[in-house]
């Protein structure tokens, strides 16, 4: 009978230890469920802000180039002014000479 009592007490002790282990795991599980993971995005935010500044600088440079290019296009002429003046002068002289020859 003593052996049976010893085995029973060992079984009771093992069950008691098992229940304590389960209670500890339940507490840890509750803590894990309540714990929120926070990400530190400060480094990424700084990198993104630096990239945004670079993009703004490049955008301004492209805008300046575009405005200068549009100004050049607006100022561009097909023929130089002196060539147009010489052409008109030649037409006027030709018309005057032709009319003088017939009269």
PDB file of N, CA and C in Angstrom:
ATOM      1  N   UNK A   1       0.811  -1.187   0.000  1.00  0.00           N
ATOM      2  CA  UNK A   1       0.000   0.000   0.000  1.00  0.00           C
ATOM      3  C   UNK A   1       0.857   1.253   0.000  1.00  0.00           C
ATOM      4  N   UNK A   2       2.004   1.196   0.580  1.00  0.00           N
ATOM      5  CA  UNK A   2       2.885   2.348   0.587  1.00  0.00           C
ATOM      6  C   UNK A   2       3.340   2.703  -0.812  1.00  0.00           C
ATOM      7  N   UNK A   3       3.569   1.697  -1.603  1.00  0.00           N
ATOM      8  CA  UNK A   3       3.984   1.989  -2.985  1.00  0.00           C
ATOM      9  C   UNK A   3       2.872   2.721  -3.719  1.00  0.00           C
ATOM     10  N   UNK A   4       1.663   2.328  -3.504  1.00  0.00           N
ATOM     11  CA  UNK A   4       0.525   2.972  -4.142  1.00  0.00           C
ATOM     12  C   UNK A   4       0.377   4.401  -3.651  1.00  0.00           C
ATOM     13  N   UNK A   5       0.610   4.634  -2.376  1.00  0.00           N
ATOM     14  CA  UNK A   5       0.543   5.987  -1.831  1.00  0.00           C
ATOM     15  C   UNK A   5       1.679   6.843  -2.393  1.00  0.00           C
ATOM     16  N   UNK A   6       2.855   6.286  -2.509  1.00  0.00           N
ATOM     17  CA  UNK A   6       3.987   7.024  -3.078  1.00  0.00           C
ATOM     18  C   UNK A   6       3.715   7.385  -4.539  1.00  0.00           C
ATOM     19  N   UNK A   7       3.212   6.438  -5.288  1.00  0.00           N
ATOM     20  CA  UNK A   7       2.896   6.712  -6.701  1.00  0.00           C
ATOM     21  C   UNK A   7       1.795   7.766  -6.822  1.00  0.00           C
ATOM     22  N   UNK A   8       0.827   7.695  -5.950  1.00  0.00           N
ATOM     23  CA  UNK A   8      -0.258   8.670  -5.966  1.00  0.00           C
ATOM     24  C   UNK A   8       0.273  10.049  -5.613  1.00  0.00           C
ATOM     25  N   UNK A   9       1.125  10.133  -4.607  1.00  0.00           N
ATOM     26  CA  UNK A   9       1.677  11.438  -4.231  1.00  0.00           C
ATOM     27  C   UNK A   9       2.563  11.989  -5.356  1.00  0.00           C
ATOM     28  N   UNK A  10       3.339  11.112  -5.995  1.00  0.00           N
ATOM     29  CA  UNK A  10       4.143  11.569  -7.139  1.00  0.00           C
ATOM     30  C   UNK A  10       3.250  12.066  -8.275  1.00  0.00           C
ATOM     31  N   UNK A  11       2.177  11.349  -8.537  1.00  0.00           N
ATOM     32  CA  UNK A  11       1.251  11.752  -9.588  1.00  0.00           C
ATOM     33  C   UNK A  11       0.594  13.086  -9.237  1.00  0.00           C
ATOM     34  N   UNK A  12       0.229  13.254  -7.971  1.00  0.00           N
ATOM     35  CA  UNK A  12      -0.379  14.517  -7.535  1.00  0.00           C
ATOM     36  C   UNK A  12       0.628  15.658  -7.668  1.00  0.00           C
ATOM     37  N   UNK A  13       1.864  15.428  -7.273  1.00  0.00           N
ATOM     38  CA  UNK A  13       2.902  16.468  -7.409  1.00  0.00           C
ATOM     39  C   UNK A  13       3.139  16.825  -8.883  1.00  0.00           C
ATOM     40  N   UNK A  14       3.188  15.819  -9.726  1.00  0.00           N
ATOM     41  CA  UNK A  14       3.391  16.078 -11.164  1.00  0.00           C
ATOM     42  C   UNK A  14       2.223  16.853 -11.738  1.00  0.00           C
ATOM     43  N   UNK A  15       0.996  16.491 -11.350  1.00  0.00           N
ATOM     44  CA  UNK A  15      -0.182  17.235 -11.823  1.00  0.00           C
ATOM     45  C   UNK A  15      -0.171  18.666 -11.314  1.00  0.00           C
ATOM     46  N   UNK A  16       0.238  18.847 -10.073  1.00  0.00           N
ATOM     47  CA  UNK A  16       0.319  20.190  -9.499  1.00  0.00           C
ATOM     48  C   UNK A  16       1.358  21.034 -10.268  1.00  0.00           C
ATOM     49  N   UNK A  17       2.533  20.479 -10.532  1.00  0.00           N
ATOM     50  CA  UNK A  17       3.564  21.182 -11.312  1.00  0.00           C
ATOM     51  C   UNK A  17       3.079  21.468 -12.729  1.00  0.00           C
ATOM     52  N   UNK A  18       2.361  20.507 -13.314  1.00  0.00           N
ATOM     53  CA  UNK A  18       1.821  20.696 -14.663  1.00  0.00           C
ATOM     54  C   UNK A  18       0.820  21.842 -14.687  1.00  0.00           C
ATOM     55  N   UNK A  19      -0.047  21.913 -13.670  1.00  0.00           N
ATOM     56  CA  UNK A  19      -1.021  23.010 -13.590  1.00  0.00           C
ATOM     57  C   UNK A  19      -0.327  24.361 -13.414  1.00  0.00           C
ATOM     58  N   UNK A  20       0.730  24.409 -12.603  1.00  0.00           N
ATOM     59  CA  UNK A  20       1.497  25.658 -12.447  1.00  0.00           C
ATOM     60  C   UNK A  20       2.107  26.081 -13.779  1.00  0.00           C
ATOM     61  N   UNK A  21       2.658  25.114 -14.516  1.00  0.00           N
ATOM     62  CA  UNK A  21       3.230  25.422 -15.828  1.00  0.00           C
ATOM     63  C   UNK A  21       2.181  25.947 -16.795  1.00  0.00           C
ATOM     64  N   UNK A  22       0.980  25.352 -16.749  1.00  0.00           N
ATOM     65  CA  UNK A  22      -0.111  25.822 -17.624  1.00  0.00           C
ATOM     66  C   UNK A  22      -0.518  27.239 -17.241  1.00  0.00           C
ATOM     67  N   UNK A  23      -0.601  27.536 -15.940  1.00  0.00           N
ATOM     68  CA  UNK A  23      -0.962  28.888 -15.491  1.00  0.00           C
ATOM     69  C   UNK A  23       0.076  29.912 -15.951  1.00  0.00           C
ATOM     70  N   UNK A  24       1.365  29.552 -15.838  1.00  0.00           N
ATOM     71  CA  UNK A  24       2.420  30.465 -16.318  1.00  0.00           C
ATOM     72  C   UNK A  24       2.311  30.690 -17.824  1.00  0.00           C
ATOM     73  N   UNK A  25       2.043  29.636 -18.576  1.00  0.00           N
ATOM     74  CA  UNK A  25       1.893  29.787 -20.031  1.00  0.00           C
ATOM     75  C   UNK A  25       0.682  30.639 -20.385  1.00  0.00           C
ATOM     76  N   UNK A  26      -0.400  30.493 -19.621  1.00  0.00           N
ATOM     77  CA  UNK A  26      -1.578  31.329 -19.868  1.00  0.00           C
ATOM     78  C   UNK A  26      -1.270  32.794 -19.598  1.00  0.00           C
ATOM     79  N   UNK A  27      -0.536  33.093 -18.541  1.00  0.00           N
ATOM     80  CA  UNK A  27      -0.151  34.475 -18.241  1.00  0.00           C
ATOM     81  C   UNK A  27       0.715  35.044 -19.355  1.00  0.00           C
ATOM     82  N   UNK A  28       1.670  34.234 -19.805  1.00  0.00           N
ATOM     83  CA  UNK A  28       2.554  34.686 -20.897  1.00  0.00           C
ATOM     84  C   UNK A  28       1.743  34.908 -22.163  1.00  0.00           C
ATOM     85  N   UNK A  29       0.788  34.032 -22.428  1.00  0.00           N
ATOM     86  CA  UNK A  29      -0.063  34.168 -23.610  1.00  0.00           C
ATOM     87  C   UNK A  29      -0.879  35.451 -23.541  1.00  0.00           C
ATOM     88  N   UNK A  30      -1.440  35.762 -22.357  1.00  0.00           N
ATOM     89  CA  UNK A  30      -2.195  37.008 -22.192  1.00  0.00           C
ATOM     90  C   UNK A  30      -1.300  38.226 -22.411  1.00  0.00           C
ATOM     91  N   UNK A  31      -0.085  38.171 -21.871  1.00  0.00           N
ATOM     92  CA  UNK A  31       0.846  39.286 -22.057  1.00  0.00           C
ATOM     93  C   UNK A  31       1.193  39.451 -23.528  1.00  0.00           C
ATOM     94  N   UNK A  32       1.397  38.350 -24.221  1.00  0.00           N
ATOM     95  CA  UNK A  32       1.711  38.438 -25.656  1.00  0.00           C
ATOM     96  C   UNK A  32       0.542  38.997 -26.444  1.00  0.00           C
ATOM     97  N   UNK A  33      -0.675  38.603 -26.068  1.00  0.00           N
ATOM     98  CA  UNK A  33      -1.850  39.124 -26.768  1.00  0.00           C
ATOM     99  C   UNK A  33      -2.046  40.612 -26.499  1.00  0.00           C
ATOM    100  N   UNK A  34      -1.653  41.085 -25.316  1.00  0.00           N
ATOM    101  CA  UNK A  34      -1.826  42.493 -24.981  1.00  0.00           C
ATOM    102  C   UNK A  34      -0.672  43.359 -25.481  1.00  0.00           C
ATOM    103  N   UNK A  35       0.451  42.730 -25.762  1.00  0.00           N
ATOM    104  CA  UNK A  35       1.618  43.482 -26.200  1.00  0.00           C
ATOM    105  C   UNK A  35       1.440  43.912 -27.647  1.00  0.00           C
ATOM    106  N   UNK A  36       1.665  45.176 -27.870  1.00  0.00           N
ATOM    107  CA  UNK A  36       1.605  45.715 -29.229  1.00  0.00           C
ATOM    108  C   UNK A  36       3.026  45.997 -29.690  1.00  0.00           C
ATOM    109  N   UNK A  37       3.276  45.614 -30.900  1.00  0.00           N
ATOM    110  CA  UNK A  37       4.613  45.831 -31.462  1.00  0.00           C
ATOM    111  C   UNK A  37       4.666  47.231 -32.056  1.00  0.00           C
ATOM    112  N   UNK A  38       5.620  47.990 -31.603  1.00  0.00           N
ATOM    113  CA  UNK A  38       5.792  49.352 -32.110  1.00  0.00           C
ATOM    114  C   UNK A  38       7.037  49.385 -32.989  1.00  0.00           C
ATOM    115  N   UNK A  39       6.849  49.935 -34.168  1.00  0.00           N
ATOM    116  CA  UNK A  39       7.986  50.044 -35.083  1.00  0.00           C
ATOM    117  C   UNK A  39       8.590  51.435 -34.968  1.00  0.00           C
ATOM    118  N   UNK A  40       9.880  51.497 -35.004  1.00  0.00           N
ATOM    119  CA  UNK A  40      10.571  52.776 -34.973  1.00  0.00           C
ATOM    120  C   UNK A  40      10.791  53.218 -36.411  1.00  0.00           C
ATOM    121  N   UNK A  41       9.985  54.157 -36.861  1.00  0.00           N
ATOM    122  CA  UNK A  41      10.067  54.619 -38.239  1.00  0.00           C
ATOM    123  C   UNK A  41      10.779  55.962 -38.349  1.00  0.00           C
ATOM    124  N   UNK A  42      11.424  56.396 -37.292  1.00  0.00           N
ATOM    125  CA  UNK A  42      12.104  57.693 -37.312  1.00  0.00           C
ATOM    126  C   UNK A  42      13.220  57.711 -38.352  1.00  0.00           C
ATOM    127  N   UNK A  43      13.971  56.630 -38.448  1.00  0.00           N
ATOM    128  CA  UNK A  43      15.053  56.577 -39.430  1.00  0.00           C
ATOM    129  C   UNK A  43      14.495  56.624 -40.843  1.00  0.00           C
ATOM    130  N   UNK A  44      13.443  55.853 -41.076  1.00  0.00           N
ATOM    131  CA  UNK A  44      12.846  55.832 -42.405  1.00  0.00           C
ATOM    132  C   UNK A  44      12.224  57.180 -42.744  1.00  0.00           C
ATOM    133  N   UNK A  45      11.641  57.825 -41.752  1.00  0.00           N
ATOM    134  CA  UNK A  45      11.040  59.136 -41.978  1.00  0.00           C
ATOM    135  C   UNK A  45      12.107  60.146 -42.388  1.00  0.00           C
ATOM    136  N   UNK A  46      13.261  60.109 -41.730  1.00  0.00           N
ATOM    137  CA  UNK A  46      14.351  61.019 -42.088  1.00  0.00           C
ATOM    138  C   UNK A  46      14.844  60.747 -43.505  1.00  0.00           C
ATOM    139  N   UNK A  47      14.960  59.481 -43.864  1.00  0.00           N
ATOM    140  CA  UNK A  47      15.413  59.130 -45.218  1.00  0.00           C
ATOM    141  C   UNK A  47      14.395  59.599 -46.253  1.00  0.00           C
ATOM    142  N   UNK A  48      13.115  59.397 -45.963  1.00  0.00           N
ATOM    143  CA  UNK A  48      12.067  59.814 -46.897  1.00  0.00           C
ATOM    144  C   UNK A  48      12.038  61.333 -47.037  1.00  0.00           C
ATOM    145  N   UNK A  49      12.229  62.059 -45.942  1.00  0.00           N
ATOM    146  CA  UNK A  49      12.250  63.523 -46.015  1.00  0.00           C
ATOM    147  C   UNK A  49      13.434  64.020 -46.835  1.00  0.00           C
ATOM    148  N   UNK A  50      14.599  63.396 -46.661  1.00  0.00           N
ATOM    149  CA  UNK A  50      15.776  63.779 -47.451  1.00  0.00           C
ATOM    150  C   UNK A  50      15.522  63.498 -48.926  1.00  0.00           C
ATOM    151  N   UNK A  51      14.919  62.369 -49.214  1.00  0.00           N
ATOM    152  CA  UNK A  51      14.603  62.026 -50.609  1.00  0.00           C
ATOM    153  C   UNK A  51      13.587  63.017 -51.181  1.00  0.00           C
ATOM    154  N   UNK A  52      12.608  63.403 -50.374  1.00  0.00           N
ATOM    155  CA  UNK A  52      11.607  64.372 -50.818  1.00  0.00           C
ATOM    156  C   UNK A  52      12.260  65.713 -51.149  1.00  0.00           C
ATOM    157  N   UNK A  53      13.226  66.140 -50.328  1.00  0.00           N
ATOM    158  CA  UNK A  53      13.931  67.400 -50.606  1.00  0.00           C
ATOM    159  C   UNK A  53      14.700  67.303 -51.917  1.00  0.00           C
ATOM    160  N   UNK A  54      15.369  66.171 -52.127  1.00  0.00           N
ATOM    161  CA  UNK A  54      16.102  65.987 -53.383  1.00  0.00           C
ATOM    162  C   UNK A  54      15.150  66.008 -54.568  1.00  0.00           C
ATOM    163  N   UNK A  55      13.999  65.375 -54.427  1.00  0.00           N
ATOM    164  CA  UNK A  55      13.020  65.363 -55.514  1.00  0.00           C
ATOM    165  C   UNK A  55      12.504  66.772 -55.790  1.00  0.00           C
ATOM    166  N   UNK A  56      12.290  67.576 -54.742  1.00  0.00           N
ATOM    167  CA  UNK A  56      11.851  68.960 -54.935  1.00  0.00           C
ATOM    168  C   UNK A  56      12.914  69.769 -55.666  1.00  0.00           C
ATOM    169  N   UNK A  57      14.187  69.560 -55.311  1.00  0.00           N
ATOM    170  CA  UNK A  57      15.279  70.266 -55.985  1.00  0.00           C
ATOM    171  C   UNK A  57      15.315  69.887 -57.458  1.00  0.00           C
ATOM    172  N   UNK A  58      15.220  68.592 -57.749  1.00  0.00           N
ATOM    173  CA  UNK A  58      15.236  68.140 -59.141  1.00  0.00           C
ATOM    174  C   UNK A  58      14.019  68.656 -59.907  1.00  0.00           C
ATOM    175  N   UNK A  59      12.871  68.696 -59.240  1.00  0.00           N
ATOM    176  CA  UNK A  59      11.659  69.206 -59.881  1.00  0.00           C
ATOM    177  C   UNK A  59      11.827  70.682 -60.230  1.00  0.00           C
ATOM    178  N   UNK A  60      12.415  71.454 -59.308  1.00  0.00           N
ATOM    179  CA  UNK A  60      12.649  72.877 -59.581  1.00  0.00           C
ATOM    180  C   UNK A  60      13.644  73.056 -60.721  1.00  0.00           C
ATOM    181  N   UNK A  61      14.677  72.210 -60.753  1.00  0.00           N
ATOM    182  CA  UNK A  61      15.656  72.306 -61.834  1.00  0.00           C
ATOM    183  C   UNK A  61      15.008  71.988 -63.184  1.00  0.00           C
ATOM    184  N   UNK A  62      14.174  70.977 -63.217  1.00  0.00           N
ATOM    185  CA  UNK A  62      13.496  70.612 -64.459  1.00  0.00           C
ATOM    186  C   UNK A  62      12.522  71.710 -64.866  1.00  0.00           C
ATOM    187  N   UNK A  63      11.841  72.300 -63.881  1.00  0.00           N
ATOM    188  CA  UNK A  63      10.928  73.414 -64.182  1.00  0.00           C
ATOM    189  C   UNK A  63      11.677  74.605 -64.764  1.00  0.00           C
ATOM    190  N   UNK A  64      12.855  74.927 -64.194  1.00  0.00           N
ATOM    191  CA  UNK A  64      13.670  76.024 -64.726  1.00  0.00           C
ATOM    192  C   UNK A  64      14.142  75.732 -66.137  1.00  0.00           C
ATOM    193  N   UNK A  65      14.579  74.494 -66.372  1.00  0.00           N
ATOM    194  CA  UNK A  65      15.015  74.115 -67.721  1.00  0.00           C
ATOM    195  C   UNK A  65      13.861  74.221 -68.699  1.00  0.00           C
ATOM    196  N   UNK A  66      12.676  73.775 -68.282  1.00  0.00           N
ATOM    197  CA  UNK A  66      11.510  73.826 -69.160  1.00  0.00           C
ATOM    198  C   UNK A  66      11.139  75.265 -69.502  1.00  0.00           C
ATOM    199  N   UNK A  67      11.187  76.157 -68.504  1.00  0.00           N
ATOM    200  CA  UNK A  67      10.841  77.556 -68.779  1.00  0.00           C
ATOM    201  C   UNK A  67      11.868  78.210 -69.705  1.00  0.00           C
ATOM    202  N   UNK A  68      13.174  77.905 -69.483  1.00  0.00           N
ATOM    203  CA  UNK A  68      14.200  78.448 -70.393  1.00  0.00           C
ATOM    204  C   UNK A  68      14.019  77.893 -71.801  1.00  0.00           C
ATOM    205  N   UNK A  69      13.705  76.609 -71.894  1.00  0.00           N
ATOM    206  CA  UNK A  69      13.504  75.985 -73.204  1.00  0.00           C
ATOM    207  C   UNK A  69      12.300  76.606 -73.918  1.00  0.00           C
ATOM    208  N   UNK A  70      11.210  76.823 -73.172  1.00  0.00           N
ATOM    209  CA  UNK A  70      10.024  77.444 -73.776  1.00  0.00           C
ATOM    210  C   UNK A  70      10.314  78.882 -74.211  1.00  0.00           C
ATOM    211  N   UNK A  71      11.114  79.613 -73.421  1.00  0.00           N
ATOM    212  CA  UNK A  71      11.492  80.973 -73.825  1.00  0.00           C
ATOM    213  C   UNK A  71      12.304  80.947 -75.117  1.00  0.00           C
ATOM    214  N   UNK A  72      13.235  79.994 -75.218  1.00  0.00           N
ATOM    215  CA  UNK A  72      14.033  79.882 -76.448  1.00  0.00           C
ATOM    216  C   UNK A  72      13.142  79.553 -77.638  1.00  0.00           C
ATOM    217  N   UNK A  73      12.180  78.664 -77.447  1.00  0.00           N
ATOM    218  CA  UNK A  73      11.263  78.300 -78.532  1.00  0.00           C
ATOM    219  C   UNK A  73      10.426  79.512 -78.942  1.00  0.00           C
ATOM    220  N   UNK A  74       9.957  80.270 -77.946  1.00  0.00           N
ATOM    221  CA  UNK A  74       9.154  81.459 -78.254  1.00  0.00           C
ATOM    222  C   UNK A  74       9.969  82.507 -78.998  1.00  0.00           C
ATOM    223  N   UNK A  75      11.257  82.631 -78.681  1.00  0.00           N
ATOM    224  CA  UNK A  75      12.105  83.633 -79.322  1.00  0.00           C
ATOM    225  C   UNK A  75      12.663  83.158 -80.656  1.00  0.00           C
ATOM    226  N   UNK A  76      12.541  81.883 -80.924  1.00  0.00           N
ATOM    227  CA  UNK A  76      13.111  81.330 -82.154  1.00  0.00           C
ATOM    228  C   UNK A  76      12.344  81.854 -83.367  1.00  0.00           C
ATOM    229  N   UNK A  77      13.085  82.128 -84.416  1.00  0.00           N
ATOM    230  CA  UNK A  77      12.494  82.596 -85.671  1.00  0.00           C
ATOM    231  C   UNK A  77      12.975  81.676 -86.773  1.00  0.00           C
ATOM    232  N   UNK A  78      12.131  81.510 -87.769  1.00  0.00           N
ATOM    233  CA  UNK A  78      12.507  80.637 -88.877  1.00  0.00           C
ATOM    234  C   UNK A  78      13.634  81.268 -89.685  1.00  0.00           C
ATOM    235  N   UNK A  79      13.487  82.555 -89.978  1.00  0.00           N
ATOM    236  CA  UNK A  79      14.507  83.273 -90.746  1.00  0.00           C
ATOM    237  C   UNK A  79      15.028  84.432 -89.909  1.00  0.00           C
ATOM    238  N   UNK A  80      16.310  84.743 -90.035  1.00  0.00           N
ATOM    239  CA  UNK A  80      16.830  85.913 -89.324  1.00  0.00           C
ATOM    240  C   UNK A  80      16.217  87.204 -89.889  1.00  0.00           C
ATOM    241  N   UNK A  81      16.205  88.212 -89.051  1.00  0.00           N
ATOM    242  CA  UNK A  81      15.571  89.476 -89.434  1.00  0.00           C
ATOM    243  C   UNK A  81      16.257  90.096 -90.652  1.00  0.00           C
ATOM    244  N   UNK A  82      17.585  90.055 -90.696  1.00  0.00           N
ATOM    245  CA  UNK A  82      18.289  90.671 -91.821  1.00  0.00           C
ATOM    246  C   UNK A  82      17.948  89.967 -93.135  1.00  0.00           C
ATOM    247  N   UNK A  83      17.709  88.643 -93.102  1.00  0.00           N
ATOM    248  CA  UNK A  83      17.369  87.913 -94.324  1.00  0.00           C
ATOM    249  C   UNK A  83      15.985  88.322 -94.816  1.00  0.00           C
ATOM    250  N   UNK A  84      15.051  88.539 -93.900  1.00  0.00           N
ATOM    251  CA  UNK A  84      13.703  88.962 -94.284  1.00  0.00           C
ATOM    252  C   UNK A  84      13.750  90.354 -94.902  1.00  0.00           C
ATOM    253  N   UNK A  85      14.544  91.247 -94.311  1.00  0.00           N
ATOM    254  CA  UNK A  85      14.661  92.611 -94.844  1.00  0.00           C
ATOM    255  C   UNK A  85      15.272  92.583 -96.242  1.00  0.00           C
ATOM    256  N   UNK A  86      16.314  91.804 -96.436  1.00  0.00           N
ATOM    257  CA  UNK A  86      16.951  91.717 -97.763  1.00  0.00           C
ATOM    258  C   UNK A  86      15.972  91.127 -98.779  1.00  0.00           C
ATOM    259  N   UNK A  87      15.190  90.123 -98.405  1.00  0.00           N
ATOM    260  CA  UNK A  87      14.232  89.514 -99.320  1.00  0.00           C
ATOM    261  C   UNK A  87      13.162  90.520 -99.743  1.00  0.00           C
ATOM    262  N   UNK A  88      12.611  91.257 -98.779  1.00  0.00           N
ATOM    263  CA  UNK A  88      11.586  92.259 -99.097  1.00  0.00           C
ATOM    264  C   UNK A  88      12.182  93.361 -99.968  1.00  0.00           C
ATOM    265  N   UNK A  89      13.395  93.774 -99.638  1.00  0.00           N
ATOM    266  CA  UNK A  89      14.058  94.809-100.453  1.00  0.00           C
ATOM    267  C   UNK A  89      14.248  94.316-101.892  1.00  0.00           C
ATOM    268  N   UNK A  90      14.644  93.070-102.055  1.00  0.00           N
ATOM    269  CA  UNK A  90      14.823  92.517-103.412  1.00  0.00           C
ATOM    270  C   UNK A  90      13.497  92.453-104.168  1.00  0.00           C
ATOM    271  N   UNK A  91      12.418  92.084-103.495  1.00  0.00           N
ATOM    272  CA  UNK A  91      11.110  92.049-104.164  1.00  0.00           C
ATOM    273  C   UNK A  91      10.692  93.445-104.598  1.00  0.00           C
ATOM    274  N   UNK A  92      10.867  94.416-103.688  1.00  0.00           N
ATOM    275  CA  UNK A  92      10.494  95.794-104.028  1.00  0.00           C
ATOM    276  C   UNK A  92      11.332  96.291-105.200  1.00  0.00           C
ATOM    277  N   UNK A  93      12.623  96.057-105.189  1.00  0.00           N
ATOM    278  CA  UNK A  93      13.497  96.502-106.275  1.00  0.00           C
ATOM    279  C   UNK A  93      13.111  95.802-107.576  1.00  0.00           C
ATOM    280  N   UNK A  94      12.812  94.496-107.503  1.00  0.00           N
ATOM    281  CA  UNK A  94      12.417  93.747-108.712  1.00  0.00           C
ATOM    282  C   UNK A  94      11.119  94.290-109.279  1.00  0.00           C
ATOM    283  N   UNK A  95      10.142  94.568-108.443  1.00  0.00           N
ATOM    284  CA  UNK A  95       8.867  95.110-108.911  1.00  0.00           C
ATOM    285  C   UNK A  95       9.087  96.490-109.539  1.00  0.00           C
ATOM    286  N   UNK A  96       9.895  97.297-108.904  1.00  0.00           N
ATOM    287  CA  UNK A  96      10.157  98.645-109.432  1.00  0.00           C
ATOM    288  C   UNK A  96      10.885  98.552-110.778  1.00  0.00           C
ATOM    289  N   UNK A  97      11.875  97.667-110.909  1.00  0.00           N
ATOM    290  CA  UNK A  97      12.588  97.534-112.185  1.00  0.00           C
ATOM    291  C   UNK A  97      11.687  96.983-113.286  1.00  0.00           C
ATOM    292  N   UNK A  98      10.821  96.027-112.934  1.00  0.00           N
ATOM    293  CA  UNK A  98       9.916  95.468-113.953  1.00  0.00           C
ATOM    294  C   UNK A  98       8.927  96.530-114.391  1.00  0.00           C
ATOM    295  N   UNK A  99       8.390  97.299-113.469  1.00  0.00           N
ATOM    296  CA  UNK A  99       7.435  98.324-113.855  1.00  0.00           C
ATOM    297  C   UNK A  99       8.114  99.444-114.665  1.00  0.00           C
ATOM    298  N   UNK A 100       9.365  99.770-114.356  1.00  0.00           N
ATOM    299  CA  UNK A 100      10.088 100.798-115.108  1.00  0.00           C
ATOM    300  C   UNK A 100      10.398 100.330-116.527  1.00  0.00           C
ATOM    301  N   UNK A 101      10.669  99.066-116.702  1.00  0.00           N
ATOM    302  CA  UNK A 101      10.997  98.530-118.017  1.00  0.00           C
ATOM    303  C   UNK A 101       9.785  98.564-118.943  1.00  0.00           C
ATOM    304  N   UNK A 102       8.584  98.342-118.397  1.00  0.00           N
ATOM    305  CA  UNK A 102       7.386  98.333-119.239  1.00  0.00           C
ATOM    306  C   UNK A 102       6.873  99.747-119.490  1.00  0.00           C
ATOM    307  N   UNK A 103       7.291 100.732-118.780  1.00  0.00           N
ATOM    308  CA  UNK A 103       6.795 102.099-119.018  1.00  0.00           C
ATOM    309  C   UNK A 103       7.800 102.943-119.639  1.00  0.00           C
TER     310      UNK A 103
END
